[in-house]
Amino acid sequence: MLIVGDSFSQDLVNIIHEGRLFERARIRVRYIPARCQVYKGDDPITELVELNSAALCSRDYYEGLDILLAEADTILVAASWREKSAERLPVTLERLGIAAKENYIIFGRKSLGYINRAAYVGWMLDEKATYSNPINDSSSTARSIRCWPIHLGRPFLLRFRR
C-alpha cells in the first residue's frame, strides 16, 4: 500500500495505525507539502502555488515515486486540495499512473458541510454517489473544489451545491 499526500495523508497513516487497520500490509508513504499540492502535469508549479512557496515546491517530490506506485497494490492519495490542483486531478492521476491502477482512493477536505447521516440510511451506493450536499463553509476554496473520492477504481463524483 502506498499513501501519498500532505498532512491529510499523515492523518490517514495515524488512523490506519491507531485503528490497527491493514496490519499485514507493507505501507509506504510519500509526503508532499500542502503548499506544493499533489500535482503532476505540464503547467509550471508556480501557477499552482503562492510565490513564496516556489522554491520549496521546485523540489522533485515525485522522484522514485514511479517505483513505489508500480509496487503498490493499493494507493491512497490524501490532500488538502486547492482549486487549481483539484481541477487538474485527472491529469495528475493519469501522469502518475494511478488512474490505470485497480485499487485507489482519493481523499479530500475534511469539512464538506453538514452531513445528515440518518438521511442516508437505506440508500444504495449509486443513490449516495449522485447526492449533492450544500457546503456552508465560508472559505472560497471549500466552495469551489469538488471532492473526487475514487473508490477502488470505480470513480464517482460527489457534487456539492454552493
N, C-alpha and C. Protein backbone atom coordinates (compact mmCIF):
# COMPACT_ATOMS: atom_id res chain seq x y z
N MET A 1 0.85 -1.17 0.00
CA MET A 1 0.00 0.00 0.00
C MET A 1 0.90 1.23 0.00
N LEU A 2 0.49 2.21 -0.81
CA LEU A 2 1.22 3.47 -0.87
C LEU A 2 0.26 4.59 -0.51
N ILE A 3 0.70 5.48 0.37
CA ILE A 3 -0.08 6.64 0.77
C ILE A 3 0.70 7.88 0.35
N VAL A 4 0.06 8.73 -0.45
CA VAL A 4 0.71 9.93 -0.99
C VAL A 4 -0.11 11.14 -0.57
N GLY A 5 0.59 12.22 -0.18
CA GLY A 5 -0.13 13.46 0.10
C GLY A 5 0.53 14.31 1.16
N ASP A 6 -0.23 15.30 1.61
CA ASP A 6 0.25 16.27 2.60
C ASP A 6 -0.09 15.81 4.01
N SER A 7 -0.37 16.74 4.90
CA SER A 7 -0.66 16.36 6.30
C SER A 7 -1.93 15.52 6.40
N PHE A 8 -2.83 15.64 5.42
CA PHE A 8 -4.01 14.77 5.42
C PHE A 8 -3.58 13.32 5.31
N SER A 9 -2.53 13.05 4.51
CA SER A 9 -2.04 11.67 4.39
C SER A 9 -1.41 11.21 5.70
N GLN A 10 -0.77 12.12 6.42
CA GLN A 10 -0.21 11.76 7.73
C GLN A 10 -1.33 11.41 8.70
N ASP A 11 -2.44 12.14 8.64
CA ASP A 11 -3.60 11.81 9.47
C ASP A 11 -4.12 10.42 9.11
N LEU A 12 -4.14 10.12 7.84
CA LEU A 12 -4.60 8.81 7.38
C LEU A 12 -3.69 7.69 7.89
N VAL A 13 -2.40 7.92 7.86
CA VAL A 13 -1.45 6.93 8.41
C VAL A 13 -1.72 6.71 9.89
N ASN A 14 -1.96 7.78 10.63
CA ASN A 14 -2.27 7.65 12.06
C ASN A 14 -3.55 6.87 12.28
N ILE A 15 -4.57 7.13 11.48
CA ILE A 15 -5.84 6.40 11.60
C ILE A 15 -5.62 4.91 11.35
N ILE A 16 -4.87 4.60 10.31
CA ILE A 16 -4.58 3.21 9.98
C ILE A 16 -3.81 2.54 11.11
N HIS A 17 -2.82 3.24 11.65
CA HIS A 17 -2.01 2.68 12.73
C HIS A 17 -2.82 2.51 14.02
N GLU A 18 -3.50 3.58 14.43
CA GLU A 18 -4.27 3.53 15.68
C GLU A 18 -5.44 2.57 15.60
N GLY A 19 -6.03 2.45 14.41
CA GLY A 19 -7.17 1.55 14.24
C GLY A 19 -6.75 0.11 13.96
N ARG A 20 -5.44 -0.11 13.91
CA ARG A 20 -4.90 -1.44 13.61
C ARG A 20 -5.47 -1.99 12.31
N LEU A 21 -5.55 -1.12 11.33
CA LEU A 21 -6.05 -1.50 10.02
C LEU A 21 -4.88 -1.94 9.14
N PHE A 22 -5.11 -2.82 8.26
CA PHE A 22 -4.10 -3.28 7.30
C PHE A 22 -2.81 -3.71 8.00
N GLU A 23 -2.93 -4.43 9.11
CA GLU A 23 -1.76 -4.79 9.91
C GLU A 23 -0.75 -5.64 9.14
N ARG A 24 -1.22 -6.39 8.18
CA ARG A 24 -0.31 -7.25 7.42
C ARG A 24 0.25 -6.57 6.18
N ALA A 25 -0.23 -5.39 5.89
CA ALA A 25 0.21 -4.68 4.69
C ALA A 25 1.55 -3.99 4.92
N ARG A 26 2.32 -3.92 3.86
CA ARG A 26 3.55 -3.11 3.89
C ARG A 26 3.15 -1.74 3.36
N ILE A 27 3.21 -0.75 4.23
CA ILE A 27 2.74 0.60 3.88
C ILE A 27 3.94 1.53 3.68
N ARG A 28 3.92 2.20 2.56
CA ARG A 28 4.93 3.21 2.26
C ARG A 28 4.23 4.55 2.14
N VAL A 29 4.94 5.62 2.46
CA VAL A 29 4.35 6.96 2.46
C VAL A 29 5.25 7.91 1.68
N ARG A 30 4.64 8.77 0.87
CA ARG A 30 5.37 9.84 0.20
C ARG A 30 4.70 11.15 0.56
N TYR A 31 5.45 12.00 1.27
CA TYR A 31 4.92 13.29 1.73
C TYR A 31 5.18 14.37 0.68
N ILE A 32 4.14 15.14 0.39
CA ILE A 32 4.23 16.30 -0.49
C ILE A 32 3.59 17.46 0.28
N PRO A 33 4.33 18.51 0.58
CA PRO A 33 3.78 19.61 1.38
C PRO A 33 2.50 20.19 0.77
N ALA A 34 1.56 20.56 1.62
CA ALA A 34 0.29 21.13 1.16
C ALA A 34 0.53 22.39 0.33
N ARG A 35 1.54 23.14 0.69
CA ARG A 35 1.83 24.37 -0.07
C ARG A 35 2.20 24.04 -1.51
N CYS A 36 2.70 22.82 -1.76
CA CYS A 36 3.12 22.44 -3.11
C CYS A 36 2.03 21.71 -3.88
N GLN A 37 1.03 21.18 -3.18
CA GLN A 37 -0.07 20.46 -3.81
C GLN A 37 0.39 19.19 -4.53
N VAL A 38 -0.49 18.21 -4.55
CA VAL A 38 -0.24 16.98 -5.29
C VAL A 38 -0.61 17.28 -6.74
N TYR A 39 0.41 17.43 -7.58
CA TYR A 39 0.17 17.78 -8.98
C TYR A 39 1.32 17.30 -9.84
N LYS A 40 0.97 16.68 -10.95
CA LYS A 40 1.97 16.26 -11.94
C LYS A 40 1.36 16.54 -13.31
N GLY A 41 1.90 17.53 -14.00
CA GLY A 41 1.36 17.90 -15.29
C GLY A 41 2.28 18.85 -16.01
N ASP A 42 1.76 19.47 -17.06
CA ASP A 42 2.57 20.36 -17.90
C ASP A 42 2.66 21.78 -17.38
N ASP A 43 1.67 22.21 -16.61
CA ASP A 43 1.68 23.59 -16.12
C ASP A 43 2.81 23.77 -15.10
N PRO A 44 3.49 24.91 -15.16
CA PRO A 44 4.54 25.16 -14.17
C PRO A 44 3.95 25.22 -12.75
N ILE A 45 4.69 24.69 -11.81
CA ILE A 45 4.23 24.64 -10.42
C ILE A 45 3.94 26.04 -9.90
N THR A 46 4.61 27.05 -10.44
CA THR A 46 4.39 28.43 -9.98
C THR A 46 2.97 28.91 -10.27
N GLU A 47 2.24 28.25 -11.19
CA GLU A 47 0.85 28.61 -11.45
C GLU A 47 -0.09 28.04 -10.39
N LEU A 48 0.41 27.08 -9.61
CA LEU A 48 -0.44 26.42 -8.63
C LEU A 48 -0.16 26.81 -7.20
N VAL A 49 0.99 27.40 -6.95
CA VAL A 49 1.38 27.70 -5.58
C VAL A 49 1.62 29.19 -5.40
N GLU A 50 1.66 29.61 -4.15
CA GLU A 50 1.96 31.00 -3.84
C GLU A 50 3.43 31.28 -4.17
N LEU A 51 3.71 32.50 -4.51
CA LEU A 51 5.06 32.88 -4.93
C LEU A 51 6.11 32.53 -3.89
N ASN A 52 5.80 32.71 -2.60
CA ASN A 52 6.79 32.44 -1.56
C ASN A 52 7.03 30.93 -1.35
N SER A 53 6.25 30.08 -2.01
CA SER A 53 6.44 28.63 -1.90
C SER A 53 7.14 28.05 -3.11
N ALA A 54 7.45 28.86 -4.10
CA ALA A 54 8.02 28.37 -5.35
C ALA A 54 9.33 27.62 -5.14
N ALA A 55 10.20 28.13 -4.28
CA ALA A 55 11.49 27.46 -4.05
C ALA A 55 11.29 26.09 -3.42
N LEU A 56 10.45 26.03 -2.39
CA LEU A 56 10.15 24.75 -1.73
C LEU A 56 9.54 23.77 -2.72
N CYS A 57 8.65 24.25 -3.55
CA CYS A 57 7.90 23.37 -4.46
C CYS A 57 8.66 23.03 -5.73
N SER A 58 9.82 23.63 -5.93
CA SER A 58 10.62 23.28 -7.10
C SER A 58 11.34 21.94 -6.89
N ARG A 59 11.38 21.46 -5.67
CA ARG A 59 11.97 20.15 -5.36
C ARG A 59 11.12 19.05 -6.02
N ASP A 60 11.76 18.01 -6.50
CA ASP A 60 11.03 16.93 -7.16
C ASP A 60 10.56 15.91 -6.11
N TYR A 61 9.35 16.10 -5.64
CA TYR A 61 8.77 15.20 -4.65
C TYR A 61 8.34 13.87 -5.28
N TYR A 62 8.41 13.80 -6.60
CA TYR A 62 7.95 12.62 -7.33
C TYR A 62 9.08 11.70 -7.75
N GLU A 63 10.33 12.10 -7.41
CA GLU A 63 11.47 11.26 -7.77
C GLU A 63 11.35 9.89 -7.09
N GLY A 64 11.41 8.84 -7.88
CA GLY A 64 11.31 7.48 -7.35
C GLY A 64 9.88 7.04 -7.05
N LEU A 65 8.93 7.94 -7.19
CA LEU A 65 7.55 7.59 -6.88
C LEU A 65 7.01 6.55 -7.86
N ASP A 66 7.49 6.57 -9.10
CA ASP A 66 7.03 5.59 -10.08
C ASP A 66 7.32 4.16 -9.64
N ILE A 67 8.44 3.95 -8.98
CA ILE A 67 8.79 2.61 -8.48
C ILE A 67 7.84 2.21 -7.36
N LEU A 68 7.58 3.13 -6.43
CA LEU A 68 6.66 2.84 -5.33
C LEU A 68 5.25 2.57 -5.86
N LEU A 69 4.82 3.35 -6.86
CA LEU A 69 3.50 3.16 -7.44
C LEU A 69 3.39 1.80 -8.13
N ALA A 70 4.45 1.40 -8.81
CA ALA A 70 4.43 0.10 -9.50
C ALA A 70 4.34 -1.06 -8.52
N GLU A 71 4.95 -0.90 -7.35
CA GLU A 71 4.94 -1.97 -6.34
C GLU A 71 3.66 -2.02 -5.53
N ALA A 72 2.91 -0.92 -5.49
CA ALA A 72 1.73 -0.82 -4.63
C ALA A 72 0.51 -1.50 -5.26
N ASP A 73 -0.18 -2.29 -4.45
CA ASP A 73 -1.43 -2.87 -4.94
C ASP A 73 -2.62 -1.97 -4.60
N THR A 74 -2.46 -1.08 -3.63
CA THR A 74 -3.49 -0.12 -3.25
C THR A 74 -2.82 1.23 -3.05
N ILE A 75 -3.44 2.28 -3.56
CA ILE A 75 -2.89 3.63 -3.44
C ILE A 75 -3.93 4.54 -2.81
N LEU A 76 -3.51 5.26 -1.78
CA LEU A 76 -4.37 6.25 -1.13
C LEU A 76 -3.71 7.61 -1.33
N VAL A 77 -4.47 8.58 -1.83
CA VAL A 77 -3.96 9.94 -2.00
C VAL A 77 -4.85 10.83 -1.15
N ALA A 78 -4.24 11.51 -0.18
CA ALA A 78 -4.99 12.36 0.75
C ALA A 78 -4.34 13.73 0.78
N ALA A 79 -5.15 14.76 0.46
CA ALA A 79 -4.57 16.10 0.40
C ALA A 79 -5.63 17.16 0.65
N SER A 80 -5.15 18.32 1.06
CA SER A 80 -5.99 19.50 1.17
C SER A 80 -5.96 20.18 -0.19
N TRP A 81 -6.83 19.74 -1.06
CA TRP A 81 -6.82 20.20 -2.45
C TRP A 81 -7.18 21.67 -2.55
N ARG A 82 -6.43 22.37 -3.37
CA ARG A 82 -6.79 23.73 -3.74
C ARG A 82 -7.44 23.66 -5.12
N GLU A 83 -8.10 24.72 -5.48
CA GLU A 83 -8.88 24.70 -6.71
C GLU A 83 -8.07 24.29 -7.94
N LYS A 84 -6.90 24.89 -8.14
CA LYS A 84 -6.13 24.61 -9.35
C LYS A 84 -5.63 23.17 -9.41
N SER A 85 -5.20 22.63 -8.28
CA SER A 85 -4.73 21.24 -8.30
C SER A 85 -5.90 20.26 -8.39
N ALA A 86 -7.03 20.62 -7.79
CA ALA A 86 -8.22 19.76 -7.87
C ALA A 86 -8.73 19.69 -9.30
N GLU A 87 -8.71 20.82 -9.99
CA GLU A 87 -9.14 20.84 -11.39
C GLU A 87 -8.24 19.95 -12.26
N ARG A 88 -6.98 19.86 -11.87
CA ARG A 88 -6.01 19.09 -12.66
C ARG A 88 -5.84 17.65 -12.13
N LEU A 89 -6.66 17.25 -11.19
CA LEU A 89 -6.53 15.93 -10.58
C LEU A 89 -6.57 14.80 -11.60
N PRO A 90 -7.48 14.79 -12.57
CA PRO A 90 -7.46 13.69 -13.55
C PRO A 90 -6.13 13.58 -14.31
N VAL A 91 -5.53 14.72 -14.65
CA VAL A 91 -4.23 14.72 -15.34
C VAL A 91 -3.16 14.15 -14.41
N THR A 92 -3.18 14.56 -13.14
CA THR A 92 -2.20 14.06 -12.17
C THR A 92 -2.31 12.55 -12.03
N LEU A 93 -3.54 12.05 -11.89
CA LEU A 93 -3.75 10.61 -11.74
C LEU A 93 -3.24 9.86 -12.97
N GLU A 94 -3.49 10.42 -14.13
CA GLU A 94 -3.04 9.79 -15.38
C GLU A 94 -1.51 9.80 -15.47
N ARG A 95 -0.89 10.96 -15.22
CA ARG A 95 0.57 11.09 -15.34
C ARG A 95 1.33 10.21 -14.34
N LEU A 96 0.76 10.07 -13.16
CA LEU A 96 1.42 9.24 -12.14
C LEU A 96 1.13 7.75 -12.33
N GLY A 97 0.21 7.43 -13.23
CA GLY A 97 -0.14 6.03 -13.46
C GLY A 97 -1.14 5.48 -12.46
N ILE A 98 -1.71 6.36 -11.64
CA ILE A 98 -2.67 5.93 -10.63
C ILE A 98 -4.00 5.57 -11.30
N ALA A 99 -4.38 6.30 -12.32
CA ALA A 99 -5.66 6.06 -12.99
C ALA A 99 -5.75 4.66 -13.57
N ALA A 100 -4.61 4.07 -13.92
CA ALA A 100 -4.59 2.72 -14.50
C ALA A 100 -4.66 1.63 -13.43
N LYS A 101 -4.46 2.01 -12.18
CA LYS A 101 -4.50 1.03 -11.09
C LYS A 101 -5.93 0.60 -10.80
N GLU A 102 -6.08 -0.58 -10.25
CA GLU A 102 -7.41 -1.09 -9.94
C GLU A 102 -7.91 -0.57 -8.59
N ASN A 103 -7.01 -0.42 -7.62
CA ASN A 103 -7.41 -0.05 -6.27
C ASN A 103 -6.77 1.26 -5.85
N TYR A 104 -7.57 2.31 -5.86
CA TYR A 104 -7.08 3.58 -5.35
C TYR A 104 -8.24 4.38 -4.79
N ILE A 105 -7.92 5.21 -3.80
CA ILE A 105 -8.92 6.09 -3.18
C ILE A 105 -8.31 7.47 -3.05
N ILE A 106 -9.07 8.48 -3.44
CA ILE A 106 -8.64 9.87 -3.31
C ILE A 106 -9.43 10.50 -2.17
N PHE A 107 -8.72 11.06 -1.20
CA PHE A 107 -9.36 11.73 -0.07
C PHE A 107 -9.16 13.23 -0.22
N GLY A 108 -10.16 14.00 0.20
CA GLY A 108 -10.07 15.45 0.09
C GLY A 108 -10.28 16.13 1.42
N ARG A 109 -10.87 17.30 1.34
CA ARG A 109 -11.07 18.14 2.51
C ARG A 109 -11.84 17.42 3.60
N LYS A 110 -11.52 17.79 4.82
CA LYS A 110 -12.20 17.19 5.97
C LYS A 110 -13.56 17.84 6.22
N SER A 111 -13.76 19.04 5.78
CA SER A 111 -15.01 19.75 6.02
C SER A 111 -15.81 19.83 4.73
N LEU A 112 -16.88 19.06 4.67
CA LEU A 112 -17.73 19.05 3.48
C LEU A 112 -19.14 19.51 3.81
N GLY A 113 -19.26 20.39 4.80
CA GLY A 113 -20.58 20.87 5.19
C GLY A 113 -21.23 19.91 6.18
N TYR A 114 -22.47 20.19 6.51
CA TYR A 114 -23.22 19.35 7.44
C TYR A 114 -23.70 18.10 6.72
N ILE A 115 -23.38 16.95 7.26
CA ILE A 115 -23.80 15.67 6.69
C ILE A 115 -24.84 15.06 7.64
N ASN A 116 -26.05 14.90 7.16
CA ASN A 116 -27.11 14.27 7.94
C ASN A 116 -27.06 12.77 7.67
N ARG A 117 -26.29 12.05 8.48
CA ARG A 117 -26.09 10.62 8.25
C ARG A 117 -27.39 9.83 8.28
N ALA A 118 -28.33 10.23 9.12
CA ALA A 118 -29.59 9.50 9.22
C ALA A 118 -30.36 9.53 7.89
N ALA A 119 -30.14 10.58 7.11
CA ALA A 119 -30.84 10.70 5.83
C ALA A 119 -30.37 9.65 4.83
N TYR A 120 -29.16 9.10 5.02
CA TYR A 120 -28.60 8.13 4.08
C TYR A 120 -28.99 6.69 4.38
N VAL A 121 -29.61 6.46 5.50
CA VAL A 121 -29.96 5.08 5.89
C VAL A 121 -30.86 4.47 4.82
N GLY A 122 -30.47 3.32 4.36
CA GLY A 122 -31.25 2.61 3.36
C GLY A 122 -30.95 3.01 1.92
N TRP A 123 -30.08 3.99 1.71
CA TRP A 123 -29.74 4.41 0.35
C TRP A 123 -28.78 3.40 -0.27
N MET A 124 -28.90 3.16 -1.54
CA MET A 124 -27.96 2.34 -2.29
C MET A 124 -26.74 3.20 -2.63
N LEU A 125 -25.61 2.55 -2.90
CA LEU A 125 -24.37 3.27 -3.20
C LEU A 125 -24.56 4.23 -4.38
N ASP A 126 -25.25 3.80 -5.42
CA ASP A 126 -25.46 4.67 -6.58
C ASP A 126 -26.26 5.91 -6.23
N GLU A 127 -27.22 5.78 -5.31
CA GLU A 127 -28.00 6.94 -4.88
C GLU A 127 -27.12 7.91 -4.11
N LYS A 128 -26.28 7.37 -3.22
CA LYS A 128 -25.38 8.22 -2.44
C LYS A 128 -24.39 8.95 -3.35
N ALA A 129 -23.94 8.28 -4.41
CA ALA A 129 -22.95 8.87 -5.31
C ALA A 129 -23.50 10.05 -6.10
N THR A 130 -24.81 10.13 -6.27
CA THR A 130 -25.38 11.23 -7.05
C THR A 130 -25.96 12.34 -6.17
N TYR A 131 -25.91 12.17 -4.86
CA TYR A 131 -26.47 13.17 -3.95
C TYR A 131 -25.60 14.41 -3.89
N SER A 132 -26.20 15.57 -3.85
CA SER A 132 -25.49 16.83 -3.71
C SER A 132 -25.67 17.34 -2.28
N ASN A 133 -24.57 17.77 -1.70
CA ASN A 133 -24.60 18.27 -0.34
C ASN A 133 -24.15 19.73 -0.33
N PRO A 134 -24.93 20.64 0.25
CA PRO A 134 -24.51 22.05 0.27
C PRO A 134 -23.31 22.24 1.20
N ILE A 135 -22.38 23.08 0.76
CA ILE A 135 -21.24 23.43 1.59
C ILE A 135 -21.50 24.81 2.16
N ASN A 136 -21.47 24.92 3.47
CA ASN A 136 -21.72 26.20 4.12
C ASN A 136 -20.44 26.85 4.63
N ASP A 137 -19.32 26.33 4.19
CA ASP A 137 -18.02 26.85 4.59
C ASP A 137 -17.78 28.19 3.90
N SER A 138 -17.26 29.16 4.63
CA SER A 138 -17.06 30.49 4.05
C SER A 138 -15.79 30.57 3.22
N SER A 139 -14.92 29.56 3.29
CA SER A 139 -13.68 29.65 2.52
C SER A 139 -13.96 29.44 1.04
N SER A 140 -13.36 30.26 0.22
CA SER A 140 -13.59 30.17 -1.22
C SER A 140 -13.08 28.84 -1.76
N THR A 141 -12.04 28.31 -1.15
CA THR A 141 -11.50 27.03 -1.61
C THR A 141 -12.53 25.93 -1.40
N ALA A 142 -13.14 25.89 -0.23
CA ALA A 142 -14.12 24.84 0.06
C ALA A 142 -15.32 24.97 -0.85
N ARG A 143 -15.70 26.18 -1.20
CA ARG A 143 -16.86 26.37 -2.07
C ARG A 143 -16.57 25.97 -3.51
N SER A 144 -15.32 26.11 -3.94
CA SER A 144 -15.04 25.91 -5.35
C SER A 144 -14.49 24.54 -5.70
N ILE A 145 -14.02 23.80 -4.73
CA ILE A 145 -13.43 22.49 -5.02
C ILE A 145 -14.49 21.41 -5.00
N ARG A 146 -14.43 20.57 -5.98
CA ARG A 146 -15.23 19.36 -5.97
C ARG A 146 -14.35 18.25 -5.44
N CYS A 147 -14.89 17.47 -4.57
CA CYS A 147 -14.14 16.37 -3.98
C CYS A 147 -14.34 15.13 -4.84
N TRP A 148 -13.26 14.50 -5.24
CA TRP A 148 -13.34 13.31 -6.07
C TRP A 148 -12.93 12.08 -5.28
N PRO A 149 -13.85 11.48 -4.53
CA PRO A 149 -13.46 10.23 -3.87
C PRO A 149 -13.55 9.11 -4.90
N ILE A 150 -12.46 8.51 -5.22
CA ILE A 150 -12.44 7.46 -6.23
C ILE A 150 -12.17 6.16 -5.51
N HIS A 151 -13.17 5.34 -5.43
CA HIS A 151 -13.14 4.17 -4.57
C HIS A 151 -12.80 2.91 -5.36
N LEU A 152 -11.69 2.33 -5.05
CA LEU A 152 -11.29 1.05 -5.63
C LEU A 152 -11.48 0.99 -7.14
N GLY A 153 -11.01 2.02 -7.81
CA GLY A 153 -11.03 2.03 -9.26
C GLY A 153 -12.38 2.32 -9.87
N ARG A 154 -13.41 2.51 -9.05
CA ARG A 154 -14.75 2.81 -9.56
C ARG A 154 -15.03 4.28 -9.27
N PRO A 155 -14.75 5.17 -10.24
CA PRO A 155 -14.87 6.59 -9.94
C PRO A 155 -16.32 7.05 -9.83
N PHE A 156 -16.54 7.94 -8.90
CA PHE A 156 -17.81 8.66 -8.83
C PHE A 156 -17.52 10.03 -8.24
N LEU A 157 -18.37 10.97 -8.56
CA LEU A 157 -18.15 12.35 -8.15
C LEU A 157 -19.22 12.77 -7.16
N LEU A 158 -18.81 13.28 -6.01
CA LEU A 158 -19.76 13.87 -5.09
C LEU A 158 -19.92 15.33 -5.50
N ARG A 159 -21.12 15.74 -5.79
CA ARG A 159 -21.36 17.11 -6.21
C ARG A 159 -21.89 17.92 -5.03
N PHE A 160 -21.35 19.10 -4.87
CA PHE A 160 -21.73 19.96 -3.75
C PHE A 160 -22.33 21.24 -4.28
N ARG A 161 -23.49 21.58 -3.77
CA ARG A 161 -24.12 22.86 -4.13
C ARG A 161 -23.51 23.97 -3.30
N ARG A 162 -23.46 25.16 -3.86
CA ARG A 162 -22.96 26.31 -3.10
C ARG A 162 -24.07 26.93 -2.32
